C-alpha atoms as a PDB file:
ATOM      1  CA  UNK A   1    -121.193 -45.694  -4.007  1.00  0.00           C
ATOM      2  CA  UNK A   2    -122.646 -43.321  -6.574  1.00  0.00           C
ATOM      3  CA  UNK A   3    -124.460 -44.769  -9.600  1.00  0.00           C
ATOM      4  CA  UNK A   4    -122.421 -45.062 -12.785  1.00  0.00           C
ATOM      5  CA  UNK A   5    -122.443 -42.238 -15.258  1.00  0.00           C
ATOM      6  CA  UNK A   6    -124.697 -42.881 -18.285  1.00  0.00           C
ATOM      7  CA  UNK A   7    -121.684 -43.449 -20.552  1.00  0.00           C
ATOM      8  CA  UNK A   8    -120.241 -46.003 -18.118  1.00  0.00           C
ATOM      9  CA  UNK A   9    -123.578 -47.750 -17.765  1.00  0.00           C
ATOM     10  CA  UNK A  10    -123.874 -47.991 -21.536  1.00  0.00           C
ATOM     11  CA  UNK A  11    -120.377 -49.455 -21.765  1.00  0.00           C
ATOM     12  CA  UNK A  12    -121.051 -51.995 -19.023  1.00  0.00           C
ATOM     13  CA  UNK A  13    -124.252 -53.026 -20.755  1.00  0.00           C
ATOM     14  CA  UNK A  14    -122.246 -54.052 -23.815  1.00  0.00           C
ATOM     15  CA  UNK A  15    -120.023 -56.468 -21.859  1.00  0.00           C
ATOM     16  CA  UNK A  16    -121.377 -59.983 -22.316  1.00  0.00           C
ATOM     17  CA  UNK A  17    -122.176 -62.302 -19.459  1.00  0.00           C
ATOM     18  CA  UNK A  18    -119.357 -64.789 -18.905  1.00  0.00           C
ATOM     19  CA  UNK A  19    -120.276 -67.795 -21.071  1.00  0.00           C
ATOM     20  CA  UNK A  20    -120.983 -70.484 -18.498  1.00  0.00           C
ATOM     21  CA  UNK A  21    -123.696 -71.567 -20.923  1.00  0.00           C
ATOM     22  CA  UNK A  22    -120.945 -72.160 -23.514  1.00  0.00           C
ATOM     23  CA  UNK A  23    -118.879 -74.320 -21.166  1.00  0.00           C
ATOM     24  CA  UNK A  24    -121.930 -76.340 -20.143  1.00  0.00           C
ATOM     25  CA  UNK A  25    -122.910 -76.772 -23.787  1.00  0.00           C
ATOM     26  CA  UNK A  26    -119.446 -78.013 -24.694  1.00  0.00           C
ATOM     27  CA  UNK A  27    -119.371 -80.402 -21.745  1.00  0.00           C
ATOM     28  CA  UNK A  28    -122.710 -81.828 -22.894  1.00  0.00           C
ATOM     29  CA  UNK A  29    -121.345 -82.261 -26.411  1.00  0.00           C
ATOM     30  CA  UNK A  30    -118.271 -84.050 -25.112  1.00  0.00           C
ATOM     31  CA  UNK A  31    -120.377 -86.276 -22.865  1.00  0.00           C
ATOM     32  CA  UNK A  32    -122.356 -87.341 -25.928  1.00  0.00           C
ATOM     33  CA  UNK A  33    -119.151 -88.197 -27.782  1.00  0.00           C
ATOM     34  CA  UNK A  34    -119.172 -85.177 -30.075  1.00  0.00           C
ATOM     35  CA  UNK A  35    -115.767 -83.517 -30.415  1.00  0.00           C
ATOM     36  CA  UNK A  36    -115.658 -80.815 -33.072  1.00  0.00           C
ATOM     37  CA  UNK A  37    -112.563 -78.752 -33.671  1.00  0.00           C
ATOM     38  CA  UNK A  38    -112.915 -76.575 -36.751  1.00  0.00           C
ATOM     39  CA  UNK A  39    -109.983 -76.867 -39.191  1.00  0.00           C
ATOM     40  CA  UNK A  40    -108.808 -80.083 -37.499  1.00  0.00           C
ATOM     41  CA  UNK A  41    -107.138 -82.037 -40.330  1.00  0.00           C
ATOM     42  CA  UNK A  42    -108.920 -85.178 -41.515  1.00  0.00           C
ATOM     43  CA  UNK A  43    -105.715 -87.211 -41.403  1.00  0.00           C
ATOM     44  CA  UNK A  44    -105.299 -86.462 -37.688  1.00  0.00           C
ATOM     45  CA  UNK A  45    -108.845 -87.655 -37.073  1.00  0.00           C
ATOM     46  CA  UNK A  46    -108.111 -90.860 -38.977  1.00  0.00           C
ATOM     47  CA  UNK A  47    -104.951 -91.433 -36.941  1.00  0.00           C
ATOM     48  CA  UNK A  48    -106.935 -91.055 -33.724  1.00  0.00           C
ATOM     49  CA  UNK A  49    -109.480 -93.580 -34.990  1.00  0.00           C
ATOM     50  CA  UNK A  50    -106.963 -96.185 -36.089  1.00  0.00           C
ATOM     51  CA  UNK A  51    -104.913 -95.894 -32.894  1.00  0.00           C
ATOM     52  CA  UNK A  52    -108.080 -96.296 -30.821  1.00  0.00           C
ATOM     53  CA  UNK A  53    -108.621 -99.702 -32.459  1.00  0.00           C
ATOM     54  CA  UNK A  54    -106.747-102.401 -30.542  1.00  0.00           C
ATOM     55  CA  UNK A  55    -106.820-104.558 -33.671  1.00  0.00           C
ATOM     56  CA  UNK A  56    -104.930-102.038 -35.809  1.00  0.00           C
ATOM     57  CA  UNK A  57    -101.627-103.404 -37.079  1.00  0.00           C
ATOM     58  CA  UNK A  58     -98.400-101.360 -37.397  1.00  0.00           C
ATOM     59  CA  UNK A  59     -98.749-101.680 -41.163  1.00  0.00           C
ATOM     60  CA  UNK A  60    -102.232-100.130 -41.063  1.00  0.00           C
ATOM     61  CA  UNK A  61    -101.054 -97.327 -38.764  1.00  0.00           C
ATOM     62  CA  UNK A  62     -98.130 -96.631 -41.107  1.00  0.00           C
ATOM     63  CA  UNK A  63    -100.489 -96.567 -44.088  1.00  0.00           C
ATOM     64  CA  UNK A  64    -102.745 -93.982 -42.429  1.00  0.00           C
ATOM     65  CA  UNK A  65     -99.774 -91.840 -41.406  1.00  0.00           C
ATOM     66  CA  UNK A  66     -98.260 -92.134 -44.861  1.00  0.00           C
ATOM     67  CA  UNK A  67    -101.366 -90.657 -46.451  1.00  0.00           C
ATOM     68  CA  UNK A  68    -100.061 -87.214 -45.511  1.00  0.00           C
ATOM     69  CA  UNK A  69     -96.421 -86.531 -46.353  1.00  0.00           C
ATOM     70  CA  UNK A  70     -96.098 -83.700 -43.826  1.00  0.00           C
ATOM     71  CA  UNK A  71     -97.425 -85.852 -40.971  1.00  0.00           C
ATOM     72  CA  UNK A  72     -95.201 -88.773 -41.972  1.00  0.00           C
ATOM     73  CA  UNK A  73     -92.192 -86.440 -42.023  1.00  0.00           C
ATOM     74  CA  UNK A  74     -93.047 -85.162 -38.544  1.00  0.00           C
ATOM     75  CA  UNK A  75     -93.235 -88.696 -37.095  1.00  0.00           C
ATOM     76  CA  UNK A  76     -89.877 -89.573 -38.675  1.00  0.00           C
ATOM     77  CA  UNK A  77     -88.318 -86.324 -37.433  1.00  0.00           C
ATOM     78  CA  UNK A  78     -89.409 -86.987 -33.841  1.00  0.00           C
ATOM     79  CA  UNK A  79     -88.263 -90.613 -34.012  1.00  0.00           C
ATOM     80  CA  UNK A  80     -84.843 -89.465 -35.225  1.00  0.00           C
ATOM     81  CA  UNK A  81     -84.457 -86.619 -32.743  1.00  0.00           C
ATOM     82  CA  UNK A  82     -81.635 -86.849 -30.224  1.00  0.00           C
ATOM     83  CA  UNK A  83     -84.068 -87.662 -27.411  1.00  0.00           C
ATOM     84  CA  UNK A  84     -85.428 -90.801 -29.100  1.00  0.00           C
ATOM     85  CA  UNK A  85     -82.316 -91.709 -31.052  1.00  0.00           C
ATOM     86  CA  UNK A  86     -79.436 -91.311 -28.574  1.00  0.00           C
ATOM     87  CA  UNK A  87     -77.427 -94.031 -30.331  1.00  0.00           C
ATOM     88  CA  UNK A  88     -77.536 -92.114 -33.607  1.00  0.00           C
ATOM     89  CA  UNK A  89     -79.186 -94.893 -35.611  1.00  0.00           C
ATOM     90  CA  UNK A  90     -81.767 -93.155 -37.805  1.00  0.00           C
ATOM     91  CA  UNK A  91     -84.905 -94.839 -39.057  1.00  0.00           C
ATOM     92  CA  UNK A  92     -86.102 -94.118 -42.574  1.00  0.00           C
ATOM     93  CA  UNK A  93     -89.499 -95.824 -42.670  1.00  0.00           C
ATOM     94  CA  UNK A  94     -92.719 -95.365 -40.770  1.00  0.00           C
ATOM     95  CA  UNK A  95     -93.078 -98.905 -39.316  1.00  0.00           C
ATOM     96  CA  UNK A  96     -89.704 -98.600 -37.570  1.00  0.00           C
ATOM     97  CA  UNK A  97     -90.490 -95.057 -36.449  1.00  0.00           C
ATOM     98  CA  UNK A  98     -93.779 -96.282 -34.958  1.00  0.00           C
ATOM     99  CA  UNK A  99     -91.982 -99.128 -33.201  1.00  0.00           C
ATOM    100  CA  UNK A 100     -89.443 -96.711 -31.719  1.00  0.00           C
ATOM    101  CA  UNK A 101     -91.975 -94.166 -30.485  1.00  0.00           C
ATOM    102  CA  UNK A 102     -94.925 -96.362 -29.521  1.00  0.00           C
ATOM    103  CA  UNK A 103     -98.573 -95.726 -30.298  1.00  0.00           C
ATOM    104  CA  UNK A 104     -99.160 -92.991 -27.716  1.00  0.00           C
ATOM    105  CA  UNK A 105     -96.287 -90.854 -28.962  1.00  0.00           C
ATOM    106  CA  UNK A 106     -97.422 -91.396 -32.545  1.00  0.00           C
ATOM    107  CA  UNK A 107    -100.892 -90.265 -31.499  1.00  0.00           C
ATOM    108  CA  UNK A 108     -99.298 -87.247 -29.847  1.00  0.00           C
ATOM    109  CA  UNK A 109     -97.270 -86.473 -32.983  1.00  0.00           C
ATOM    110  CA  UNK A 110    -100.482 -86.534 -35.012  1.00  0.00           C
ATOM    111  CA  UNK A 111    -102.123 -84.131 -32.588  1.00  0.00           C
ATOM    112  CA  UNK A 112     -99.149 -81.778 -32.633  1.00  0.00           C
ATOM    113  CA  UNK A 113     -99.322 -81.826 -36.423  1.00  0.00           C
ATOM    114  CA  UNK A 114    -103.043 -81.060 -36.277  1.00  0.00           C
ATOM    115  CA  UNK A 115    -102.580 -78.130 -33.931  1.00  0.00           C
ATOM    116  CA  UNK A 116     -99.922 -76.644 -36.176  1.00  0.00           C
ATOM    117  CA  UNK A 117    -102.167 -77.092 -39.224  1.00  0.00           C
ATOM    118  CA  UNK A 118    -104.995 -75.321 -37.415  1.00  0.00           C
ATOM    119  CA  UNK A 119    -102.700 -72.324 -36.971  1.00  0.00           C
ATOM    120  CA  UNK A 120    -101.991 -72.300 -40.703  1.00  0.00           C
ATOM    121  CA  UNK A 121    -105.664 -72.593 -41.675  1.00  0.00           C
ATOM    122  CA  UNK A 122    -106.595 -69.832 -39.243  1.00  0.00           C
ATOM    123  CA  UNK A 123    -103.614 -67.708 -40.237  1.00  0.00           C
ATOM    124  CA  UNK A 124    -105.788 -64.726 -41.150  1.00  0.00           C
ATOM    125  CA  UNK A 125    -108.159 -65.000 -38.231  1.00  0.00           C
ATOM    126  CA  UNK A 126    -108.096 -63.190 -34.915  1.00  0.00           C
ATOM    127  CA  UNK A 127    -107.404 -66.564 -33.259  1.00  0.00           C
ATOM    128  CA  UNK A 128    -103.960 -66.965 -34.731  1.00  0.00           C
ATOM    129  CA  UNK A 129    -102.003 -65.318 -31.865  1.00  0.00           C
ATOM    130  CA  UNK A 130    -103.865 -67.384 -29.261  1.00  0.00           C
ATOM    131  CA  UNK A 131    -103.313 -70.632 -31.161  1.00  0.00           C
ATOM    132  CA  UNK A 132     -99.628 -69.848 -31.608  1.00  0.00           C
ATOM    133  CA  UNK A 133     -99.168 -69.105 -27.919  1.00  0.00           C
ATOM    134  CA  UNK A 134    -101.065 -72.231 -26.866  1.00  0.00           C
ATOM    135  CA  UNK A 135     -98.910 -74.343 -29.137  1.00  0.00           C
ATOM    136  CA  UNK A 136     -95.628 -72.706 -28.078  1.00  0.00           C
ATOM    137  CA  UNK A 137     -96.350 -73.272 -24.399  1.00  0.00           C
ATOM    138  CA  UNK A 138     -97.599 -76.829 -24.914  1.00  0.00           C
ATOM    139  CA  UNK A 139     -94.474 -77.826 -26.847  1.00  0.00           C
ATOM    140  CA  UNK A 140     -92.218 -76.292 -24.196  1.00  0.00           C
ATOM    141  CA  UNK A 141     -94.107 -77.897 -21.287  1.00  0.00           C
ATOM    142  CA  UNK A 142     -93.894 -81.217 -23.132  1.00  0.00           C
ATOM    143  CA  UNK A 143     -90.133 -80.910 -23.543  1.00  0.00           C
ATOM    144  CA  UNK A 144     -89.571 -80.009 -19.885  1.00  0.00           C
ATOM    145  CA  UNK A 145     -92.042 -82.673 -18.739  1.00  0.00           C
ATOM    146  CA  UNK A 146     -90.114 -85.338 -20.628  1.00  0.00           C
ATOM    147  CA  UNK A 147     -86.901 -84.381 -18.828  1.00  0.00           C
ATOM    148  CA  UNK A 148     -88.542 -84.194 -15.374  1.00  0.00           C
ATOM    149  CA  UNK A 149     -90.176 -87.606 -15.771  1.00  0.00           C
ATOM    150  CA  UNK A 150     -86.918 -89.129 -16.975  1.00  0.00           C
ATOM    151  CA  UNK A 151     -84.822 -87.621 -14.177  1.00  0.00           C
ATOM    152  CA  UNK A 152     -87.235 -88.301 -11.293  1.00  0.00           C
ATOM    153  CA  UNK A 153     -88.612 -91.612 -12.622  1.00  0.00           C
ATOM    154  CA  UNK A 154     -91.975 -90.495 -11.277  1.00  0.00           C
ATOM    155  CA  UNK A 155     -93.555 -91.364 -14.627  1.00  0.00           C
ATOM    156  CA  UNK A 156     -92.533 -92.671 -18.008  1.00  0.00           C
ATOM    157  CA  UNK A 157     -90.703 -89.972 -19.994  1.00  0.00           C
ATOM    158  CA  UNK A 158     -92.959 -90.418 -23.016  1.00  0.00           C
ATOM    159  CA  UNK A 159     -95.993 -89.827 -20.794  1.00  0.00           C
ATOM    160  CA  UNK A 160     -94.371 -86.678 -19.408  1.00  0.00           C
ATOM    161  CA  UNK A 161     -94.056 -85.447 -22.978  1.00  0.00           C
ATOM    162  CA  UNK A 162     -97.565 -86.465 -23.993  1.00  0.00           C
ATOM    163  CA  UNK A 163     -99.300 -84.916 -21.007  1.00  0.00           C
ATOM    164  CA  UNK A 164     -97.335 -81.701 -21.506  1.00  0.00           C
ATOM    165  CA  UNK A 165     -98.255 -81.449 -25.148  1.00  0.00           C
ATOM    166  CA  UNK A 166    -101.924 -82.126 -24.427  1.00  0.00           C
ATOM    167  CA  UNK A 167    -102.395 -80.189 -21.188  1.00  0.00           C
ATOM    168  CA  UNK A 168    -103.917 -77.199 -23.017  1.00  0.00           C
ATOM    169  CA  UNK A 169    -106.225 -79.167 -25.339  1.00  0.00           C
ATOM    170  CA  UNK A 170    -109.281 -78.123 -23.295  1.00  0.00           C
ATOM    171  CA  UNK A 171    -108.263 -74.473 -23.455  1.00  0.00           C
ATOM    172  CA  UNK A 172    -107.774 -74.766 -27.216  1.00  0.00           C
ATOM    173  CA  UNK A 173    -111.201 -76.382 -27.551  1.00  0.00           C
ATOM    174  CA  UNK A 174    -112.826 -73.524 -25.643  1.00  0.00           C
ATOM    175  CA  UNK A 175    -110.991 -70.845 -27.625  1.00  0.00           C
ATOM    176  CA  UNK A 176    -111.723 -72.397 -31.009  1.00  0.00           C
ATOM    177  CA  UNK A 177    -115.369 -73.128 -30.262  1.00  0.00           C
ATOM    178  CA  UNK A 178    -115.916 -69.616 -28.913  1.00  0.00           C
ATOM    179  CA  UNK A 179    -114.444 -68.315 -32.168  1.00  0.00           C
ATOM    180  CA  UNK A 180    -115.193 -64.693 -32.913  1.00  0.00           C
ATOM    181  CA  UNK A 181    -116.761 -64.283 -29.468  1.00  0.00           C
ATOM    182  CA  UNK A 182    -113.352 -64.567 -27.771  1.00  0.00           C
ATOM    183  CA  UNK A 183    -112.799 -60.815 -27.938  1.00  0.00           C
ATOM    184  CA  UNK A 184    -116.254 -60.106 -26.548  1.00  0.00           C
ATOM    185  CA  UNK A 185    -115.814 -62.582 -23.719  1.00  0.00           C
ATOM    186  CA  UNK A 186    -112.387 -61.124 -22.945  1.00  0.00           C
ATOM    187  CA  UNK A 187    -114.028 -57.702 -22.529  1.00  0.00           C
ATOM    188  CA  UNK A 188    -115.743 -59.003 -19.404  1.00  0.00           C
ATOM    189  CA  UNK A 189    -112.357 -59.284 -17.708  1.00  0.00           C
ATOM    190  CA  UNK A 190    -113.125 -62.817 -16.515  1.00  0.00           C
ATOM    191  CA  UNK A 191    -112.642 -64.929 -19.658  1.00  0.00           C
ATOM    192  CA  UNK A 192    -109.088 -65.916 -18.662  1.00  0.00           C
ATOM    193  CA  UNK A 193    -110.404 -67.197 -15.333  1.00  0.00           C
ATOM    194  CA  UNK A 194    -113.139 -69.197 -17.077  1.00  0.00           C
ATOM    195  CA  UNK A 195    -110.536 -70.765 -19.353  1.00  0.00           C
ATOM    196  CA  UNK A 196    -108.291 -71.546 -16.374  1.00  0.00           C
ATOM    197  CA  UNK A 197    -111.088 -73.117 -14.334  1.00  0.00           C
ATOM    198  CA  UNK A 198    -112.818 -75.071 -17.080  1.00  0.00           C
ATOM    199  CA  UNK A 199    -110.132 -76.257 -19.475  1.00  0.00           C
ATOM    200  CA  UNK A 200    -108.748 -79.156 -17.360  1.00  0.00           C
ATOM    201  CA  UNK A 201    -112.101 -80.952 -17.098  1.00  0.00           C
ATOM    202  CA  UNK A 202    -112.887 -80.338 -20.765  1.00  0.00           C
ATOM    203  CA  UNK A 203    -109.394 -81.549 -21.662  1.00  0.00           C
ATOM    204  CA  UNK A 204    -110.020 -84.730 -19.710  1.00  0.00           C
ATOM    205  CA  UNK A 205    -113.287 -85.331 -21.576  1.00  0.00           C
ATOM    206  CA  UNK A 206    -111.563 -84.849 -24.947  1.00  0.00           C
ATOM    207  CA  UNK A 207    -108.716 -87.231 -24.102  1.00  0.00           C
ATOM    208  CA  UNK A 208    -111.154 -89.852 -22.822  1.00  0.00           C
ATOM    209  CA  UNK A 209    -113.130 -89.467 -26.038  1.00  0.00           C
ATOM    210  CA  UNK A 210    -109.919 -90.007 -28.031  1.00  0.00           C
ATOM    211  CA  UNK A 211    -109.161 -93.026 -25.816  1.00  0.00           C
ATOM    212  CA  UNK A 212    -105.896 -91.847 -24.351  1.00  0.00           C
ATOM    213  CA  UNK A 213    -104.855 -93.805 -21.237  1.00  0.00           C
ATOM    214  CA  UNK A 214    -106.834 -92.813 -18.170  1.00  0.00           C
ATOM    215  CA  UNK A 215    -103.699 -91.753 -16.261  1.00  0.00           C
ATOM    216  CA  UNK A 216    -102.979 -89.132 -18.936  1.00  0.00           C
ATOM    217  CA  UNK A 217    -106.558 -87.836 -18.907  1.00  0.00           C
ATOM    218  CA  UNK A 218    -106.510 -87.656 -15.090  1.00  0.00           C
ATOM    219  CA  UNK A 219    -103.185 -85.798 -15.055  1.00  0.00           C
ATOM    220  CA  UNK A 220    -104.631 -83.182 -17.407  1.00  0.00           C
ATOM    221  CA  UNK A 221    -107.729 -82.931 -15.190  1.00  0.00           C
ATOM    222  CA  UNK A 222    -105.585 -82.433 -12.045  1.00  0.00           C
ATOM    223  CA  UNK A 223    -103.180 -79.840 -13.456  1.00  0.00           C
ATOM    224  CA  UNK A 224    -104.622 -77.048 -11.297  1.00  0.00           C
ATOM    225  CA  UNK A 225    -104.637 -79.134  -8.101  1.00  0.00           C
ATOM    226  CA  UNK A 226    -101.284 -77.909  -6.823  1.00  0.00           C
ATOM    227  CA  UNK A 227    -102.076 -78.385  -3.132  1.00  0.00           C
ATOM    228  CA  UNK A 228    -103.874 -81.707  -3.237  1.00  0.00           C
ATOM    229  CA  UNK A 229    -102.835 -84.405  -0.786  1.00  0.00           C
ATOM    230  CA  UNK A 230    -100.090 -86.746  -1.827  1.00  0.00           C
ATOM    231  CA  UNK A 231    -101.611 -89.448  -3.953  1.00  0.00           C
ATOM    232  CA  UNK A 232    -100.953 -91.791  -6.806  1.00  0.00           C
ATOM    233  CA  UNK A 233    -101.140 -89.179  -9.556  1.00  0.00           C
ATOM    234  CA  UNK A 234     -97.409 -88.604  -9.966  1.00  0.00           C
ATOM    235  CA  UNK A 235     -97.935 -87.768 -13.632  1.00  0.00           C
ATOM    236  CA  UNK A 236     -99.984 -84.725 -12.594  1.00  0.00           C
ATOM    237  CA  UNK A 237     -97.074 -83.646 -10.385  1.00  0.00           C
ATOM    238  CA  UNK A 238     -94.755 -83.940 -13.380  1.00  0.00           C
ATOM    239  CA  UNK A 239     -97.118 -81.802 -15.438  1.00  0.00           C
ATOM    240  CA  UNK A 240     -97.516 -79.142 -12.745  1.00  0.00           C
ATOM    241  CA  UNK A 241     -93.755 -79.001 -12.188  1.00  0.00           C
ATOM    242  CA  UNK A 242     -93.091 -78.722 -15.927  1.00  0.00           C
ATOM    243  CA  UNK A 243     -95.658 -75.955 -16.335  1.00  0.00           C
ATOM    244  CA  UNK A 244     -94.160 -74.095 -13.396  1.00  0.00           C
ATOM    245  CA  UNK A 245     -90.586 -74.447 -14.690  1.00  0.00           C
ATOM    246  CA  UNK A 246     -91.270 -73.050 -18.157  1.00  0.00           C
ATOM    247  CA  UNK A 247     -90.659 -69.399 -17.150  1.00  0.00           C
ATOM    248  CA  UNK A 248     -87.447 -70.519 -15.409  1.00  0.00           C
ATOM    249  CA  UNK A 249     -86.074 -71.887 -18.678  1.00  0.00           C
ATOM    250  CA  UNK A 250     -85.673 -68.257 -19.757  1.00  0.00           C
ATOM    251  CA  UNK A 251     -85.141 -66.604 -16.362  1.00  0.00           C
ATOM    252  CA  UNK A 252     -83.263 -68.678 -13.765  1.00  0.00           C
ATOM    253  CA  UNK A 253     -83.758 -65.984 -11.125  1.00  0.00           C
ATOM    254  CA  UNK A 254     -87.352 -67.206 -10.819  1.00  0.00           C
ATOM    255  CA  UNK A 255     -86.254 -70.720  -9.947  1.00  0.00           C
ATOM    256  CA  UNK A 256     -85.989 -70.623  -6.159  1.00  0.00           C
ATOM    257  CA  UNK A 257     -89.356 -68.930  -5.580  1.00  0.00           C
ATOM    258  CA  UNK A 258     -90.987 -71.301  -8.067  1.00  0.00           C
ATOM    259  CA  UNK A 259     -89.622 -74.510  -6.562  1.00  0.00           C
ATOM    260  CA  UNK A 260     -90.260 -73.537  -2.940  1.00  0.00           C
ATOM    261  CA  UNK A 261     -93.837 -72.385  -3.554  1.00  0.00           C
ATOM    262  CA  UNK A 262     -95.130 -75.289  -5.645  1.00  0.00           C
ATOM    263  CA  UNK A 263     -95.937 -78.449  -3.675  1.00  0.00           C
ATOM    264  CA  UNK A 264     -95.378 -80.994  -6.487  1.00  0.00           C
ATOM    265  CA  UNK A 265     -91.642 -80.241  -6.466  1.00  0.00           C
ATOM    266  CA  UNK A 266     -91.507 -81.529  -2.886  1.00  0.00           C
ATOM    267  CA  UNK A 267     -93.470 -84.611  -3.816  1.00  0.00           C
ATOM    268  CA  UNK A 268     -91.087 -85.267  -6.706  1.00  0.00           C
ATOM    269  CA  UNK A 269     -88.045 -84.777  -4.464  1.00  0.00           C
ATOM    270  CA  UNK A 270     -86.788 -81.794  -6.469  1.00  0.00           C
ATOM    271  CA  UNK A 271     -85.042 -78.914  -4.702  1.00  0.00           C
ATOM    272  CA  UNK A 272     -83.901 -75.690  -6.353  1.00  0.00           C
ATOM    273  CA  UNK A 273     -80.405 -77.055  -6.940  1.00  0.00           C
ATOM    274  CA  UNK A 274     -81.837 -80.192  -8.553  1.00  0.00           C
ATOM    275  CA  UNK A 275     -83.974 -78.158 -10.943  1.00  0.00           C
ATOM    276  CA  UNK A 276     -81.096 -75.840 -11.788  1.00  0.00           C
ATOM    277  CA  UNK A 277     -78.881 -78.804 -12.618  1.00  0.00           C
ATOM    278  CA  UNK A 278     -81.682 -80.492 -14.542  1.00  0.00           C
ATOM    279  CA  UNK A 279     -82.407 -77.446 -16.712  1.00  0.00           C
ATOM    280  CA  UNK A 280     -78.723 -76.803 -17.401  1.00  0.00           C
ATOM    281  CA  UNK A 281     -77.875 -80.416 -18.268  1.00  0.00           C
ATOM    282  CA  UNK A 282     -80.993 -81.003 -20.333  1.00  0.00           C
ATOM    283  CA  UNK A 283     -81.074 -77.668 -22.183  1.00  0.00           C
ATOM    284  CA  UNK A 284     -79.867 -79.140 -25.520  1.00  0.00           C
ATOM    285  CA  UNK A 285     -82.440 -81.935 -25.295  1.00  0.00           C
ATOM    286  CA  UNK A 286     -85.219 -79.529 -24.321  1.00  0.00           C
ATOM    287  CA  UNK A 287     -84.520 -77.261 -27.272  1.00  0.00           C
ATOM    288  CA  UNK A 288     -83.945 -80.194 -29.624  1.00  0.00           C
ATOM    289  CA  UNK A 289     -87.234 -81.789 -28.659  1.00  0.00           C
ATOM    290  CA  UNK A 290     -88.974 -78.426 -28.877  1.00  0.00           C
ATOM    291  CA  UNK A 291     -87.642 -78.037 -32.400  1.00  0.00           C
ATOM    292  CA  UNK A 292     -88.790 -81.536 -33.408  1.00  0.00           C
ATOM    293  CA  UNK A 293     -92.275 -80.876 -32.072  1.00  0.00           C
ATOM    294  CA  UNK A 294     -92.603 -77.392 -33.522  1.00  0.00           C
ATOM    295  CA  UNK A 295     -91.426 -77.748 -37.113  1.00  0.00           C
END
């Protein structure tokens, strides 16, 4: 192979080394208990803190949520969505909404609110398109994960929703902490692979720091382990199946190849016909839940 032309050599010299030092630095920060997401709303941090305290009463949780009208409205909207209110009996106050959803879904609602607020704060930054896409996919995976968990009974439906909404939290952490360097890292051509490889373990560390149940943190950590041996982590199978089905929500022609090539569908007992029926029957709930999570 001939040596590169001077112009090519100069261009290659400007491409930064893939930031393994960044990922190691962030892992060290997380191991020390330091989780810093710029623009993360204070109220969401307070919700995480109060829900991590086993002694917190529903009244205290409601008081923290009620400190931000937009967050309180989001919790009420989710509690009154068709998925969580099939009998059509709306709740109008936060204590009843918290009782209906449970603490983990309330925690998840606070995080979804925080991620949306980060998009607004960073509206003028170069990160906005990435944050929007991360949020859109997370909300859709959460909606599909809820339906898969409910239909297969492989996991609790609320956990299917939570793990879907949080499965990209490690990727978001990497993107936000890299900040303006994202474009430079992307120029190397390998940044997407770094994000893919590293975000599950960083996501697990974040969720453990925020004291989410270990099964949720482990499912996020195992989301790339499509071919692992059958084990007890059915929630990871739900997450992998939901992530895989997202493109099929918009293009059913992809369904057969997707289902037959992804091992977790076999472990969940889902064939192509099952997934087709599931997506068709649950479409109104998927879109309704997506709307409740996204607005």
